[in-house]
């Protein structure tokens, strides 16, 4: 039975470092995209509120005090 050495070779260390760097890049990209998505959801919510306010003030709904928009779809 042949056992692998306990100390990785220089090539194995380089491969591990490259894999770690790639994993970090992917993680950072995913986190960045999640933050961007949350920011866009907040923007859409603010725009929806502004639209409801505008439509209510303009009397676009025949004087109804309550205007409802469909909720945003989330994850």
Protein backbone atom coordinates (compact mmCIF):
# COMPACT_ATOMS: atom_id res chain seq x y z
CA UNK A 1 0.00 0.00 0.00
CA UNK A 2 1.49 3.32 -1.11
CA UNK A 3 0.70 6.38 1.01
CA UNK A 4 0.76 9.96 -0.24
CA UNK A 5 3.45 12.14 1.33
CA UNK A 6 2.32 14.36 4.21
CA UNK A 7 4.00 17.44 2.78
CA UNK A 8 2.54 18.69 -0.52
CA UNK A 9 4.89 19.25 -3.41
CA UNK A 10 5.59 22.67 -4.84
CA UNK A 11 3.29 21.91 -7.77
CA UNK A 12 0.47 20.85 -5.41
CA UNK A 13 0.91 24.02 -3.38
CA UNK A 14 0.72 26.13 -6.55
CA UNK A 15 -2.46 24.31 -7.61
CA UNK A 16 -4.00 24.84 -4.17
CA UNK A 17 -3.13 28.54 -4.25
CA UNK A 18 -4.64 28.91 -7.72
CA UNK A 19 -7.82 27.09 -6.65
CA UNK A 20 -8.06 29.28 -3.56
CA UNK A 21 -7.65 32.45 -5.63
CA UNK A 22 -10.36 31.31 -8.05
CA UNK A 23 -12.72 30.46 -5.19
CA UNK A 24 -12.14 33.90 -3.66
CA UNK A 25 -12.86 35.57 -6.99
CA UNK A 26 -16.11 33.63 -7.42
CA UNK A 27 -17.17 34.42 -3.85
CA UNK A 28 -16.45 38.12 -4.33
CA UNK A 29 -18.39 38.17 -7.59
CA UNK A 30 -21.42 36.49 -6.02
CA UNK A 31 -21.39 38.87 -3.05
CA UNK A 32 -21.07 41.86 -5.36
CA UNK A 33 -24.01 40.68 -7.46
CA UNK A 34 -26.13 40.11 -4.35
CA UNK A 35 -25.41 43.65 -3.14
CA UNK A 36 -26.26 45.04 -6.57
CA UNK A 37 -29.53 43.08 -6.62
CA UNK A 38 -30.52 44.37 -3.17
CA UNK A 39 -29.74 47.93 -4.27
CA UNK A 40 -31.91 47.50 -7.36
CA UNK A 41 -34.76 46.05 -5.28
CA UNK A 42 -34.61 49.10 -2.99
CA UNK A 43 -34.63 51.41 -6.02
CA UNK A 44 -37.66 49.67 -7.52
CA UNK A 45 -39.47 49.85 -4.18
CA UNK A 46 -38.76 53.58 -3.89
CA UNK A 47 -39.93 54.15 -7.48
CA UNK A 48 -43.12 52.18 -6.82
CA UNK A 49 -43.86 54.31 -3.75
CA UNK A 50 -43.22 57.49 -5.72
CA UNK A 51 -45.52 56.29 -8.51
CA UNK A 52 -48.30 55.44 -6.07
CA UNK A 53 -47.91 58.86 -4.45
CA UNK A 54 -47.97 60.60 -7.82
CA UNK A 55 -51.00 58.66 -9.06
CA UNK A 56 -52.86 59.30 -5.81
CA UNK A 57 -52.13 63.03 -5.88
CA UNK A 58 -53.17 63.27 -9.53
CA UNK A 59 -56.45 61.48 -8.78
CA UNK A 60 -55.72 58.84 -11.36
CA UNK A 61 -57.80 56.35 -9.41
CA UNK A 62 -60.94 58.42 -9.04
CA UNK A 63 -60.09 59.71 -5.59
CA UNK A 64 -59.33 56.40 -3.94
CA UNK A 65 -56.99 56.82 -1.03
CA UNK A 66 -55.41 53.44 -1.38
CA UNK A 67 -53.37 52.28 -4.36
CA UNK A 68 -51.77 48.84 -4.33
CA UNK A 69 -49.07 47.60 -6.67
CA UNK A 70 -48.16 43.96 -7.05
CA UNK A 71 -45.31 43.00 -4.72
CA UNK A 72 -41.88 42.41 -6.16
CA UNK A 73 -40.86 38.84 -6.76
CA UNK A 74 -37.95 37.89 -4.54
CA UNK A 75 -35.57 34.97 -4.51
